[in-house]
Amino acid sequence: MSEEIKIGDFVIICDTDQPSTRMIAIVENIVNRVYHCRYFSTYPRMEKPYSKNPTLVSDFGVEVVVSNGHFYAHPVRESKAKYSDGLPRKWQQAGALIQKTRKKASDVYYNSRSNSKGEA
């Protein structure tokens, strides 16, 4: 991991989740170094995954844009993400580029942004 992962960060849960827009999760809580998340897209059937070693979406060189109940991710620089064995890990877009957000995951996103600006 390149930097500390915080509540509200976008992550890919583990080495087996394909790094693509539909598999982006948002960190909802952190307990004993276990990251409790919600998939941001309505695509995955599982809603609340957890991981001890997620990868920040930004490590893939990708930025996430959220607007009006939808989101998309687009590459803006080279990936610096690595698999647990140290091999390079690239963004692998699959499925629709624009995804619909889950309501509760969207709430985590907006709450984390307002709290980081000192708002209630």
PDB file of N, CA and C in Angstrom:
ATOM      1  N   MET A   1       0.846  -1.185   0.000  1.00  0.00           N
ATOM      2  CA  MET A   1       0.000   0.000   0.000  1.00  0.00           C
ATOM      3  C   MET A   1       0.887   1.242   0.000  1.00  0.00           C
ATOM      4  N   SER A   2       0.467   2.237  -0.762  1.00  0.00           N
ATOM      5  CA  SER A   2       1.307   3.417  -0.891  1.00  0.00           C
ATOM      6  C   SER A   2       1.047   4.453   0.196  1.00  0.00           C
ATOM      7  N   GLU A   3      -0.136   4.510   0.709  1.00  0.00           N
ATOM      8  CA  GLU A   3      -0.464   5.465   1.760  1.00  0.00           C
ATOM      9  C   GLU A   3      -1.534   4.856   2.649  1.00  0.00           C
ATOM     10  N   GLU A   4      -1.784   5.510   3.776  1.00  0.00           N
ATOM     11  CA  GLU A   4      -2.776   4.998   4.710  1.00  0.00           C
ATOM     12  C   GLU A   4      -4.170   5.061   4.094  1.00  0.00           C
ATOM     13  N   ILE A   5      -4.912   3.995   4.244  1.00  0.00           N
ATOM     14  CA  ILE A   5      -6.282   3.934   3.736  1.00  0.00           C
ATOM     15  C   ILE A   5      -7.215   4.449   4.819  1.00  0.00           C
ATOM     16  N   LYS A   6      -8.148   5.318   4.407  1.00  0.00           N
ATOM     17  CA  LYS A   6      -9.067   5.963   5.351  1.00  0.00           C
ATOM     18  C   LYS A   6     -10.512   5.663   4.979  1.00  0.00           C
ATOM     19  N   ILE A   7     -11.408   5.911   5.919  1.00  0.00           N
ATOM     20  CA  ILE A   7     -12.838   5.810   5.640  1.00  0.00           C
ATOM     21  C   ILE A   7     -13.165   6.780   4.506  1.00  0.00           C
ATOM     22  N   GLY A   8     -13.924   6.291   3.533  1.00  0.00           N
ATOM     23  CA  GLY A   8     -14.288   7.100   2.375  1.00  0.00           C
ATOM     24  C   GLY A   8     -13.388   6.901   1.174  1.00  0.00           C
ATOM     25  N   ASP A   9     -12.269   6.162   1.347  1.00  0.00           N
ATOM     26  CA  ASP A   9     -11.377   5.907   0.213  1.00  0.00           C
ATOM     27  C   ASP A   9     -11.960   4.827  -0.689  1.00  0.00           C
ATOM     28  N   PHE A  10     -11.675   4.961  -1.978  1.00  0.00           N
ATOM     29  CA  PHE A  10     -12.051   3.935  -2.942  1.00  0.00           C
ATOM     30  C   PHE A  10     -10.953   2.888  -3.014  1.00  0.00           C
ATOM     31  N   VAL A  11     -11.341   1.612  -2.980  1.00  0.00           N
ATOM     32  CA  VAL A  11     -10.380   0.514  -2.985  1.00  0.00           C
ATOM     33  C   VAL A  11     -10.864  -0.619  -3.887  1.00  0.00           C
ATOM     34  N   ILE A  12      -9.906  -1.468  -4.247  1.00  0.00           N
ATOM     35  CA  ILE A  12     -10.199  -2.790  -4.794  1.00  0.00           C
ATOM     36  C   ILE A  12      -9.885  -3.743  -3.653  1.00  0.00           C
ATOM     37  N   ILE A  13     -10.822  -4.617  -3.320  1.00  0.00           N
ATOM     38  CA  ILE A  13     -10.788  -5.411  -2.089  1.00  0.00           C
ATOM     39  C   ILE A  13      -9.572  -6.322  -1.957  1.00  0.00           C
ATOM     40  N   CYS A  14      -9.231  -7.059  -3.007  1.00  0.00           N
ATOM     41  CA  CYS A  14      -8.156  -8.044  -2.871  1.00  0.00           C
ATOM     42  C   CYS A  14      -7.574  -8.373  -4.238  1.00  0.00           C
ATOM     43  N   ASP A  15      -6.566  -9.225  -4.246  1.00  0.00           N
ATOM     44  CA  ASP A  15      -5.923  -9.622  -5.506  1.00  0.00           C
ATOM     45  C   ASP A  15      -6.853 -10.367  -6.448  1.00  0.00           C
ATOM     46  N   THR A  16      -7.929 -10.945  -5.945  1.00  0.00           N
ATOM     47  CA  THR A  16      -8.813 -11.715  -6.812  1.00  0.00           C
ATOM     48  C   THR A  16      -9.949 -10.886  -7.411  1.00  0.00           C
ATOM     49  N   ASP A  17     -10.212  -9.697  -6.875  1.00  0.00           N
ATOM     50  CA  ASP A  17     -11.199  -8.805  -7.495  1.00  0.00           C
ATOM     51  C   ASP A  17     -10.540  -8.119  -8.684  1.00  0.00           C
ATOM     52  N   GLN A  18     -11.205  -8.175  -9.830  1.00  0.00           N
ATOM     53  CA  GLN A  18     -10.670  -7.523 -11.021  1.00  0.00           C
ATOM     54  C   GLN A  18     -10.655  -6.010 -10.814  1.00  0.00           C
ATOM     55  N   PRO A  19      -9.529  -5.353 -11.008  1.00  0.00           N
ATOM     56  CA  PRO A  19      -9.495  -3.904 -10.838  1.00  0.00           C
ATOM     57  C   PRO A  19     -10.212  -3.209 -11.996  1.00  0.00           C
ATOM     58  N   SER A  20     -11.507  -2.973 -11.802  1.00  0.00           N
ATOM     59  CA  SER A  20     -12.338  -2.341 -12.822  1.00  0.00           C
ATOM     60  C   SER A  20     -13.410  -1.518 -12.121  1.00  0.00           C
ATOM     61  N   THR A  21     -14.076  -0.663 -12.861  1.00  0.00           N
ATOM     62  CA  THR A  21     -15.059   0.250 -12.285  1.00  0.00           C
ATOM     63  C   THR A  21     -16.109  -0.481 -11.463  1.00  0.00           C
ATOM     64  N   ARG A  22     -16.628  -1.577 -11.980  1.00  0.00           N
ATOM     65  CA  ARG A  22     -17.727  -2.247 -11.276  1.00  0.00           C
ATOM     66  C   ARG A  22     -17.297  -2.949  -9.994  1.00  0.00           C
ATOM     67  N   MET A  23     -15.992  -3.089  -9.756  1.00  0.00           N
ATOM     68  CA  MET A  23     -15.509  -3.755  -8.546  1.00  0.00           C
ATOM     69  C   MET A  23     -14.928  -2.775  -7.521  1.00  0.00           C
ATOM     70  N   ILE A  24     -15.141  -1.490  -7.726  1.00  0.00           N
ATOM     71  CA  ILE A  24     -14.673  -0.488  -6.764  1.00  0.00           C
ATOM     72  C   ILE A  24     -15.539  -0.563  -5.506  1.00  0.00           C
ATOM     73  N   ALA A  25     -14.874  -0.520  -4.363  1.00  0.00           N
ATOM     74  CA  ALA A  25     -15.573  -0.480  -3.073  1.00  0.00           C
ATOM     75  C   ALA A  25     -15.146   0.798  -2.356  1.00  0.00           C
ATOM     76  N   ILE A  26     -15.941   1.197  -1.372  1.00  0.00           N
ATOM     77  CA  ILE A  26     -15.607   2.359  -0.555  1.00  0.00           C
ATOM     78  C   ILE A  26     -15.463   1.892   0.891  1.00  0.00           C
ATOM     79  N   VAL A  27     -14.429   2.382   1.565  1.00  0.00           N
ATOM     80  CA  VAL A  27     -14.170   1.982   2.951  1.00  0.00           C
ATOM     81  C   VAL A  27     -15.199   2.659   3.853  1.00  0.00           C
ATOM     82  N   GLU A  28     -15.920   1.834   4.603  1.00  0.00           N
ATOM     83  CA  GLU A  28     -16.983   2.313   5.488  1.00  0.00           C
ATOM     84  C   GLU A  28     -16.527   2.371   6.945  1.00  0.00           C
ATOM     85  N   ASN A  29     -15.651   1.444   7.336  1.00  0.00           N
ATOM     86  CA  ASN A  29     -15.180   1.375   8.718  1.00  0.00           C
ATOM     87  C   ASN A  29     -13.870   0.594   8.741  1.00  0.00           C
ATOM     88  N   ILE A  30     -13.059   0.840   9.754  1.00  0.00           N
ATOM     89  CA  ILE A  30     -11.801   0.110   9.925  1.00  0.00           C
ATOM     90  C   ILE A  30     -11.742  -0.347  11.378  1.00  0.00           C
ATOM     91  N   VAL A  31     -11.672  -1.671  11.574  1.00  0.00           N
ATOM     92  CA  VAL A  31     -11.633  -2.241  12.925  1.00  0.00           C
ATOM     93  C   VAL A  31     -10.485  -3.241  12.974  1.00  0.00           C
ATOM     94  N   ASN A  32      -9.502  -2.975  13.839  1.00  0.00           N
ATOM     95  CA  ASN A  32      -8.348  -3.868  13.995  1.00  0.00           C
ATOM     96  C   ASN A  32      -7.670  -4.177  12.660  1.00  0.00           C
ATOM     97  N   ARG A  33      -7.447  -3.155  11.847  1.00  0.00           N
ATOM     98  CA  ARG A  33      -6.797  -3.275  10.535  1.00  0.00           C
ATOM     99  C   ARG A  33      -7.586  -4.122   9.543  1.00  0.00           C
ATOM    100  N   VAL A  34      -8.881  -4.315   9.792  1.00  0.00           N
ATOM    101  CA  VAL A  34      -9.767  -4.954   8.821  1.00  0.00           C
ATOM    102  C   VAL A  34     -10.634  -3.851   8.233  1.00  0.00           C
ATOM    103  N   TYR A  35     -10.619  -3.741   6.914  1.00  0.00           N
ATOM    104  CA  TYR A  35     -11.331  -2.681   6.211  1.00  0.00           C
ATOM    105  C   TYR A  35     -12.717  -3.188   5.801  1.00  0.00           C
ATOM    106  N   HIS A  36     -13.738  -2.627   6.428  1.00  0.00           N
ATOM    107  CA  HIS A  36     -15.124  -2.984   6.121  1.00  0.00           C
ATOM    108  C   HIS A  36     -15.597  -2.005   5.051  1.00  0.00           C
ATOM    109  N   CYS A  37     -16.079  -2.544   3.947  1.00  0.00           N
ATOM    110  CA  CYS A  37     -16.374  -1.729   2.769  1.00  0.00           C
ATOM    111  C   CYS A  37     -17.789  -1.989   2.256  1.00  0.00           C
ATOM    112  N   ARG A  38     -18.167  -1.205   1.275  1.00  0.00           N
ATOM    113  CA  ARG A  38     -19.375  -1.437   0.494  1.00  0.00           C
ATOM    114  C   ARG A  38     -18.969  -1.303  -0.964  1.00  0.00           C
ATOM    115  N   TYR A  39     -19.411  -2.268  -1.784  1.00  0.00           N
ATOM    116  CA  TYR A  39     -19.184  -2.093  -3.219  1.00  0.00           C
ATOM    117  C   TYR A  39     -19.947  -0.854  -3.650  1.00  0.00           C
ATOM    118  N   PHE A  40     -19.299   0.006  -4.417  1.00  0.00           N
ATOM    119  CA  PHE A  40     -19.903   1.269  -4.824  1.00  0.00           C
ATOM    120  C   PHE A  40     -20.922   1.053  -5.934  1.00  0.00           C
ATOM    121  N   SER A  41     -20.686   0.076  -6.773  1.00  0.00           N
ATOM    122  CA  SER A  41     -21.590  -0.244  -7.879  1.00  0.00           C
ATOM    123  C   SER A  41     -22.693  -1.194  -7.418  1.00  0.00           C
ATOM    124  N   THR A  42     -23.804  -1.148  -8.092  1.00  0.00           N
ATOM    125  CA  THR A  42     -24.879  -2.109  -7.820  1.00  0.00           C
ATOM    126  C   THR A  42     -24.585  -3.456  -8.463  1.00  0.00           C
ATOM    127  N   TYR A  43     -23.518  -3.580  -9.238  1.00  0.00           N
ATOM    128  CA  TYR A  43     -23.216  -4.816  -9.962  1.00  0.00           C
ATOM    129  C   TYR A  43     -22.916  -6.017  -9.061  1.00  0.00           C
ATOM    130  N   PRO A  44     -21.915  -5.955  -8.170  1.00  0.00           N
ATOM    131  CA  PRO A  44     -21.611  -7.173  -7.396  1.00  0.00           C
ATOM    132  C   PRO A  44     -22.790  -7.563  -6.493  1.00  0.00           C
ATOM    133  N   ARG A  45     -23.059  -8.850  -6.408  1.00  0.00           N
ATOM    134  CA  ARG A  45     -24.158  -9.312  -5.542  1.00  0.00           C
ATOM    135  C   ARG A  45     -23.842  -9.089  -4.074  1.00  0.00           C
ATOM    136  N   MET A  46     -22.580  -9.315  -3.702  1.00  0.00           N
ATOM    137  CA  MET A  46     -22.190  -9.081  -2.315  1.00  0.00           C
ATOM    138  C   MET A  46     -22.124  -7.572  -2.118  1.00  0.00           C
ATOM    139  N   GLU A  47     -22.729  -7.098  -1.055  1.00  0.00           N
ATOM    140  CA  GLU A  47     -22.739  -5.651  -0.841  1.00  0.00           C
ATOM    141  C   GLU A  47     -21.617  -5.183   0.059  1.00  0.00           C
ATOM    142  N   LYS A  48     -21.308  -5.969   1.124  1.00  0.00           N
ATOM    143  CA  LYS A  48     -20.389  -5.484   2.158  1.00  0.00           C
ATOM    144  C   LYS A  48     -19.188  -6.411   2.328  1.00  0.00           C
ATOM    145  N   PRO A  49     -18.202  -6.298   1.450  1.00  0.00           N
ATOM    146  CA  PRO A  49     -16.996  -7.111   1.613  1.00  0.00           C
ATOM    147  C   PRO A  49     -16.083  -6.508   2.676  1.00  0.00           C
ATOM    148  N   TYR A  50     -15.088  -7.268   3.076  1.00  0.00           N
ATOM    149  CA  TYR A  50     -14.082  -6.756   3.991  1.00  0.00           C
ATOM    150  C   TYR A  50     -12.735  -7.334   3.580  1.00  0.00           C
ATOM    151  N   SER A  51     -11.668  -6.676   3.996  1.00  0.00           N
ATOM    152  CA  SER A  51     -10.333  -7.093   3.583  1.00  0.00           C
ATOM    153  C   SER A  51      -9.299  -6.607   4.583  1.00  0.00           C
ATOM    154  N   LYS A  52      -8.217  -7.346   4.678  1.00  0.00           N
ATOM    155  CA  LYS A  52      -7.080  -6.884   5.479  1.00  0.00           C
ATOM    156  C   LYS A  52      -6.040  -6.201   4.600  1.00  0.00           C
ATOM    157  N   ASN A  53      -6.189  -6.314   3.276  1.00  0.00           N
ATOM    158  CA  ASN A  53      -5.166  -5.764   2.393  1.00  0.00           C
ATOM    159  C   ASN A  53      -5.766  -5.222   1.089  1.00  0.00           C
ATOM    160  N   PRO A  54      -6.645  -4.230   1.176  1.00  0.00           N
ATOM    161  CA  PRO A  54      -7.185  -3.658  -0.059  1.00  0.00           C
ATOM    162  C   PRO A  54      -6.139  -2.783  -0.755  1.00  0.00           C
ATOM    163  N   THR A  55      -6.375  -2.479  -2.009  1.00  0.00           N
ATOM    164  CA  THR A  55      -5.505  -1.585  -2.775  1.00  0.00           C
ATOM    165  C   THR A  55      -6.278  -0.329  -3.119  1.00  0.00           C
ATOM    166  N   LEU A  56      -5.691   0.828  -2.851  1.00  0.00           N
ATOM    167  CA  LEU A  56      -6.329   2.087  -3.212  1.00  0.00           C
ATOM    168  C   LEU A  56      -6.522   2.155  -4.727  1.00  0.00           C
ATOM    169  N   VAL A  57      -7.683   2.613  -5.157  1.00  0.00           N
ATOM    170  CA  VAL A  57      -7.945   2.785  -6.587  1.00  0.00           C
ATOM    171  C   VAL A  57      -6.926   3.756  -7.175  1.00  0.00           C
ATOM    172  N   SER A  58      -6.550   4.758  -6.416  1.00  0.00           N
ATOM    173  CA  SER A  58      -5.568   5.733  -6.902  1.00  0.00           C
ATOM    174  C   SER A  58      -4.215   5.079  -7.205  1.00  0.00           C
ATOM    175  N   ASP A  59      -3.884   3.960  -6.543  1.00  0.00           N
ATOM    176  CA  ASP A  59      -2.637   3.249  -6.848  1.00  0.00           C
ATOM    177  C   ASP A  59      -2.638   2.671  -8.261  1.00  0.00           C
ATOM    178  N   PHE A  60      -3.829   2.478  -8.830  1.00  0.00           N
ATOM    179  CA  PHE A  60      -3.950   1.996 -10.209  1.00  0.00           C
ATOM    180  C   PHE A  60      -3.820   3.146 -11.211  1.00  0.00           C
ATOM    181  N   GLY A  61      -3.629   4.370 -10.708  1.00  0.00           N
ATOM    182  CA  GLY A  61      -3.528   5.531 -11.584  1.00  0.00           C
ATOM    183  C   GLY A  61      -4.876   5.988 -12.088  1.00  0.00           C
ATOM    184  N   VAL A  62      -5.923   5.678 -11.303  1.00  0.00           N
ATOM    185  CA  VAL A  62      -7.301   5.924 -11.723  1.00  0.00           C
ATOM    186  C   VAL A  62      -7.958   6.929 -10.793  1.00  0.00           C
ATOM    187  N   GLU A  63      -8.748   7.826 -11.352  1.00  0.00           N
ATOM    188  CA  GLU A  63      -9.572   8.737 -10.567  1.00  0.00           C
ATOM    189  C   GLU A  63     -11.036   8.352 -10.738  1.00  0.00           C
ATOM    190  N   VAL A  64     -11.797   8.509  -9.662  1.00  0.00           N
ATOM    191  CA  VAL A  64     -13.223   8.186  -9.667  1.00  0.00           C
ATOM    192  C   VAL A  64     -14.008   9.491  -9.669  1.00  0.00           C
ATOM    193  N   VAL A  65     -14.983   9.569 -10.561  1.00  0.00           N
ATOM    194  CA  VAL A  65     -15.857  10.741 -10.655  1.00  0.00           C
ATOM    195  C   VAL A  65     -17.269  10.287 -10.286  1.00  0.00           C
ATOM    196  N   VAL A  66     -17.881  10.985  -9.311  1.00  0.00           N
ATOM    197  CA  VAL A  66     -19.214  10.632  -8.817  1.00  0.00           C
ATOM    198  C   VAL A  66     -20.161  11.792  -9.123  1.00  0.00           C
ATOM    199  N   SER A  67     -21.331  11.458  -9.698  1.00  0.00           N
ATOM    200  CA  SER A  67     -22.294  12.503 -10.025  1.00  0.00           C
ATOM    201  C   SER A  67     -23.675  11.909 -10.249  1.00  0.00           C
ATOM    202  N   ASN A  68     -24.668  12.485  -9.596  1.00  0.00           N
ATOM    203  CA  ASN A  68     -26.078  12.144  -9.836  1.00  0.00           C
ATOM    204  C   ASN A  68     -26.387  10.654  -9.782  1.00  0.00           C
ATOM    205  N   GLY A  69     -25.894   9.969  -8.748  1.00  0.00           N
ATOM    206  CA  GLY A  69     -26.215   8.555  -8.558  1.00  0.00           C
ATOM    207  C   GLY A  69     -25.440   7.603  -9.448  1.00  0.00           C
ATOM    208  N   HIS A  70     -24.445   8.111 -10.149  1.00  0.00           N
ATOM    209  CA  HIS A  70     -23.609   7.283 -11.019  1.00  0.00           C
ATOM    210  C   HIS A  70     -22.151   7.638 -10.778  1.00  0.00           C
ATOM    211  N   PHE A  71     -21.268   6.783 -11.280  1.00  0.00           N
ATOM    212  CA  PHE A  71     -19.840   7.076 -11.175  1.00  0.00           C
ATOM    213  C   PHE A  71     -19.102   6.381 -12.303  1.00  0.00           C
ATOM    214  N   TYR A  72     -17.919   6.886 -12.564  1.00  0.00           N
ATOM    215  CA  TYR A  72     -17.029   6.213 -13.496  1.00  0.00           C
ATOM    216  C   TYR A  72     -15.595   6.425 -13.034  1.00  0.00           C
ATOM    217  N   ALA A  73     -14.722   5.586 -13.529  1.00  0.00           N
ATOM    218  CA  ALA A  73     -13.308   5.678 -13.198  1.00  0.00           C
ATOM    219  C   ALA A  73     -12.537   5.804 -14.497  1.00  0.00           C
ATOM    220  N   HIS A  74     -11.534   6.668 -14.487  1.00  0.00           N
ATOM    221  CA  HIS A  74     -10.735   6.816 -15.697  1.00  0.00           C
ATOM    222  C   HIS A  74      -9.257   6.923 -15.341  1.00  0.00           C
ATOM    223  N   PRO A  75      -8.422   6.261 -16.139  1.00  0.00           N
ATOM    224  CA  PRO A  75      -6.981   6.290 -15.891  1.00  0.00           C
ATOM    225  C   PRO A  75      -6.423   7.691 -16.160  1.00  0.00           C
ATOM    226  N   VAL A  76      -5.556   8.157 -15.247  1.00  0.00           N
ATOM    227  CA  VAL A  76      -4.928   9.463 -15.415  1.00  0.00           C
ATOM    228  C   VAL A  76      -3.393   9.372 -15.336  1.00  0.00           C
ATOM    229  N   ARG A  77      -2.861   8.210 -14.919  1.00  0.00           N
ATOM    230  CA  ARG A  77      -1.412   8.022 -14.846  1.00  0.00           C
ATOM    231  C   ARG A  77      -1.121   6.514 -14.799  1.00  0.00           C
ATOM    232  N   GLU A  78       0.136   6.176 -14.828  1.00  0.00           N
ATOM    233  CA  GLU A  78       0.554   4.774 -14.773  1.00  0.00           C
ATOM    234  C   GLU A  78       0.192   4.143 -13.430  1.00  0.00           C
ATOM    235  N   SER A  79      -0.128   2.863 -13.464  1.00  0.00           N
ATOM    236  CA  SER A  79      -0.425   2.123 -12.237  1.00  0.00           C
ATOM    237  C   SER A  79       0.858   1.847 -11.461  1.00  0.00           C
ATOM    238  N   LYS A  80       0.786   2.033 -10.138  1.00  0.00           N
ATOM    239  CA  LYS A  80       1.890   1.626  -9.261  1.00  0.00           C
ATOM    240  C   LYS A  80       1.436   0.487  -8.340  1.00  0.00           C
ATOM    241  N   ALA A  81       0.232  -0.031  -8.584  1.00  0.00           N
ATOM    242  CA  ALA A  81      -0.308  -1.134  -7.778  1.00  0.00           C
ATOM    243  C   ALA A  81       0.480  -2.414  -8.054  1.00  0.00           C
ATOM    244  N   LYS A  82       0.551  -3.238  -7.023  1.00  0.00           N
ATOM    245  CA  LYS A  82       1.260  -4.515  -7.139  1.00  0.00           C
ATOM    246  C   LYS A  82       0.417  -5.623  -6.508  1.00  0.00           C
ATOM    247  N   TYR A  83       0.557  -6.826  -7.056  1.00  0.00           N
ATOM    248  CA  TYR A  83      -0.034  -7.995  -6.420  1.00  0.00           C
ATOM    249  C   TYR A  83       0.755  -8.299  -5.148  1.00  0.00           C
ATOM    250  N   SER A  84       0.220  -9.157  -4.303  1.00  0.00           N
ATOM    251  CA  SER A  84       0.899  -9.482  -3.045  1.00  0.00           C
ATOM    252  C   SER A  84       2.272 -10.112  -3.276  1.00  0.00           C
ATOM    253  N   ASP A  85       2.483 -10.701  -4.464  1.00  0.00           N
ATOM    254  CA  ASP A  85       3.801 -11.282  -4.769  1.00  0.00           C
ATOM    255  C   ASP A  85       4.758 -10.262  -5.387  1.00  0.00           C
ATOM    256  N   GLY A  86       4.313  -8.991  -5.495  1.00  0.00           N
ATOM    257  CA  GLY A  86       5.178  -7.930  -5.986  1.00  0.00           C
ATOM    258  C   GLY A  86       5.088  -7.658  -7.483  1.00  0.00           C
ATOM    259  N   LEU A  87       4.357  -8.485  -8.227  1.00  0.00           N
ATOM    260  CA  LEU A  87       4.218  -8.262  -9.664  1.00  0.00           C
ATOM    261  C   LEU A  87       3.319  -7.051  -9.936  1.00  0.00           C
ATOM    262  N   PRO A  88       3.567  -6.336 -11.029  1.00  0.00           N
ATOM    263  CA  PRO A  88       2.747  -5.167 -11.353  1.00  0.00           C
ATOM    264  C   PRO A  88       1.283  -5.551 -11.574  1.00  0.00           C
ATOM    265  N   ARG A  89       0.406  -4.652 -11.200  1.00  0.00           N
ATOM    266  CA  ARG A  89      -1.043  -4.878 -11.327  1.00  0.00           C
ATOM    267  C   ARG A  89      -1.661  -3.694 -12.068  1.00  0.00           C
ATOM    268  N   LYS A  90      -2.297  -3.952 -13.185  1.00  0.00           N
ATOM    269  CA  LYS A  90      -2.864  -2.906 -14.036  1.00  0.00           C
ATOM    270  C   LYS A  90      -4.377  -2.824 -13.864  1.00  0.00           C
ATOM    271  N   TRP A  91      -4.925  -1.657 -14.210  1.00  0.00           N
ATOM    272  CA  TRP A  91      -6.375  -1.468 -14.258  1.00  0.00           C
ATOM    273  C   TRP A  91      -6.898  -2.300 -15.412  1.00  0.00           C
ATOM    274  N   GLN A  92      -8.003  -3.038 -15.205  1.00  0.00           N
ATOM    275  CA  GLN A  92      -8.563  -3.925 -16.221  1.00  0.00           C
ATOM    276  C   GLN A  92     -10.039  -3.617 -16.400  1.00  0.00           C
ATOM    277  N   GLN A  93     -10.335  -2.571 -17.109  1.00  0.00           N
ATOM    278  CA  GLN A  93     -11.730  -2.176 -17.268  1.00  0.00           C
ATOM    279  C   GLN A  93     -12.560  -3.307 -17.861  1.00  0.00           C
ATOM    280  N   ALA A  94     -13.692  -3.592 -17.229  1.00  0.00           N
ATOM    281  CA  ALA A  94     -14.625  -4.611 -17.723  1.00  0.00           C
ATOM    282  C   ALA A  94     -16.036  -4.118 -17.446  1.00  0.00           C
ATOM    283  N   GLY A  95     -16.953  -4.432 -18.313  1.00  0.00           N
ATOM    284  CA  GLY A  95     -18.336  -3.997 -18.114  1.00  0.00           C
ATOM    285  C   GLY A  95     -18.506  -2.531 -18.482  1.00  0.00           C
ATOM    286  N   ALA A  96     -19.648  -1.992 -18.121  1.00  0.00           N
ATOM    287  CA  ALA A  96     -19.966  -0.607 -18.462  1.00  0.00           C
ATOM    288  C   ALA A  96     -19.004   0.357 -17.782  1.00  0.00           C
ATOM    289  N   LEU A  97     -18.648   1.414 -18.488  1.00  0.00           N
ATOM    290  CA  LEU A  97     -17.754   2.421 -17.921  1.00  0.00           C
ATOM    291  C   LEU A  97     -18.455   3.234 -16.846  1.00  0.00           C
ATOM    292  N   ILE A  98     -19.734   3.498 -17.035  1.00  0.00           N
ATOM    293  CA  ILE A  98     -20.510   4.257 -16.046  1.00  0.00           C
ATOM    294  C   ILE A  98     -21.379   3.274 -15.269  1.00  0.00           C
ATOM    295  N   GLN A  99     -21.279   3.337 -13.953  1.00  0.00           N
ATOM    296  CA  GLN A  99     -22.010   2.428 -13.076  1.00  0.00           C
ATOM    297  C   GLN A  99     -22.963   3.214 -12.182  1.00  0.00           C
ATOM    298  N   LYS A 100     -24.057   2.591 -11.813  1.00  0.00           N
ATOM    299  CA  LYS A 100     -24.986   3.177 -10.855  1.00  0.00           C
ATOM    300  C   LYS A 100     -24.450   2.916  -9.448  1.00  0.00           C
ATOM    301  N   THR A 101     -24.543   3.929  -8.568  1.00  0.00           N
ATOM    302  CA  THR A 101     -24.039   3.756  -7.206  1.00  0.00           C
ATOM    303  C   THR A 101     -25.093   3.118  -6.301  1.00  0.00           C
ATOM    304  N   ARG A 102     -24.618   2.335  -5.332  1.00  0.00           N
ATOM    305  CA  ARG A 102     -25.493   1.837  -4.275  1.00  0.00           C
ATOM    306  C   ARG A 102     -25.803   3.005  -3.349  1.00  0.00           C
ATOM    307  N   LYS A 103     -27.014   3.101  -2.881  1.00  0.00           N
ATOM    308  CA  LYS A 103     -27.442   4.212  -2.035  1.00  0.00           C
ATOM    309  C   LYS A 103     -26.584   4.323  -0.772  1.00  0.00           C
ATOM    310  N   LYS A 104     -26.424   3.243  -0.024  1.00  0.00           N
ATOM    311  CA  LYS A 104     -25.675   3.317   1.235  1.00  0.00           C
ATOM    312  C   LYS A 104     -24.197   3.601   0.995  1.00  0.00           C
ATOM    313  N   ALA A 105     -23.650   3.092  -0.086  1.00  0.00           N
ATOM    314  CA  ALA A 105     -22.249   3.381  -0.413  1.00  0.00           C
ATOM    315  C   ALA A 105     -22.099   4.849  -0.800  1.00  0.00           C
ATOM    316  N   SER A 106     -23.057   5.357  -1.513  1.00  0.00           N
ATOM    317  CA  SER A 106     -23.046   6.769  -1.890  1.00  0.00           C
ATOM    318  C   SER A 106     -23.117   7.657  -0.650  1.00  0.00           C
ATOM    319  N   ASP A 107     -23.908   7.247   0.338  1.00  0.00           N
ATOM    320  CA  ASP A 107     -23.996   7.996   1.597  1.00  0.00           C
ATOM    321  C   ASP A 107     -22.632   8.052   2.292  1.00  0.00           C
ATOM    322  N   VAL A 108     -21.913   6.920   2.303  1.00  0.00           N
ATOM    323  CA  VAL A 108     -20.573   6.883   2.906  1.00  0.00           C
ATOM    324  C   VAL A 108     -19.670   7.878   2.174  1.00  0.00           C
ATOM    325  N   TYR A 109     -19.749   7.892   0.857  1.00  0.00           N
ATOM    326  CA  TYR A 109     -18.929   8.806   0.049  1.00  0.00           C
ATOM    327  C   TYR A 109     -19.194  10.259   0.429  1.00  0.00           C
ATOM    328  N   TYR A 110     -20.449  10.665   0.397  1.00  0.00           N
ATOM    329  CA  TYR A 110     -20.769  12.065   0.671  1.00  0.00           C
ATOM    330  C   TYR A 110     -20.500  12.447   2.131  1.00  0.00           C
ATOM    331  N   ASN A 111     -20.764  11.533   3.069  1.00  0.00           N
ATOM    332  CA  ASN A 111     -20.481  11.817   4.479  1.00  0.00           C
ATOM    333  C   ASN A 111     -18.981  11.969   4.722  1.00  0.00           C
ATOM    334  N   SER A 112     -18.176  11.126   4.096  1.00  0.00           N
ATOM    335  CA  SER A 112     -16.722  11.222   4.299  1.00  0.00           C
ATOM    336  C   SER A 112     -16.179  12.517   3.711  1.00  0.00           C
ATOM    337  N   ARG A 113     -16.757  12.985   2.621  1.00  0.00           N
ATOM    338  CA  ARG A 113     -16.293  14.233   2.002  1.00  0.00           C
ATOM    339  C   ARG A 113     -16.696  15.433   2.851  1.00  0.00           C
ATOM    340  N   SER A 114     -17.902  15.430   3.404  1.00  0.00           N
ATOM    341  CA  SER A 114     -18.329  16.573   4.208  1.00  0.00           C
ATOM    342  C   SER A 114     -17.590  16.605   5.548  1.00  0.00           C
ATOM    343  N   ASN A 115     -17.308  15.439   6.125  1.00  0.00           N
ATOM    344  CA  ASN A 115     -16.570  15.387   7.407  1.00  0.00           C
ATOM    345  C   ASN A 115     -15.121  15.813   7.239  1.00  0.00           C
ATOM    346  N   SER A 116     -14.517  15.543   6.097  1.00  0.00           N
ATOM    347  CA  SER A 116     -13.120  15.924   5.899  1.00  0.00           C
ATOM    348  C   SER A 116     -12.972  17.421   5.708  1.00  0.00           C
ATOM    349  N   LYS A 117     -14.058  18.112   5.421  1.00  0.00           N
ATOM    350  CA  LYS A 117     -14.019  19.563   5.266  1.00  0.00           C
ATOM    351  C   LYS A 117     -14.439  20.287   6.537  1.00  0.00           C
ATOM    352  N   GLY A 118     -14.605  19.520   7.628  1.00  0.00           N
ATOM    353  CA  GLY A 118     -14.950  20.118   8.909  1.00  0.00           C
ATOM    354  C   GLY A 118     -16.429  20.409   9.063  1.00  0.00           C
ATOM    355  N   GLU A 119     -17.238  19.864   8.163  1.00  0.00           N
ATOM    356  CA  GLU A 119     -18.686  20.067   8.247  1.00  0.00           C
ATOM    357  C   GLU A 119     -19.303  18.919   9.019  1.00  0.00           C
ATOM    358  N   ALA A 120     -20.512  19.117   9.518  1.00  0.00           N
ATOM    359  CA  ALA A 120     -21.192  18.058  10.264  1.00  0.00           C
ATOM    360  C   ALA A 120     -21.883  17.100   9.347  1.00  0.00           C
TER     361      ALA A 120
END
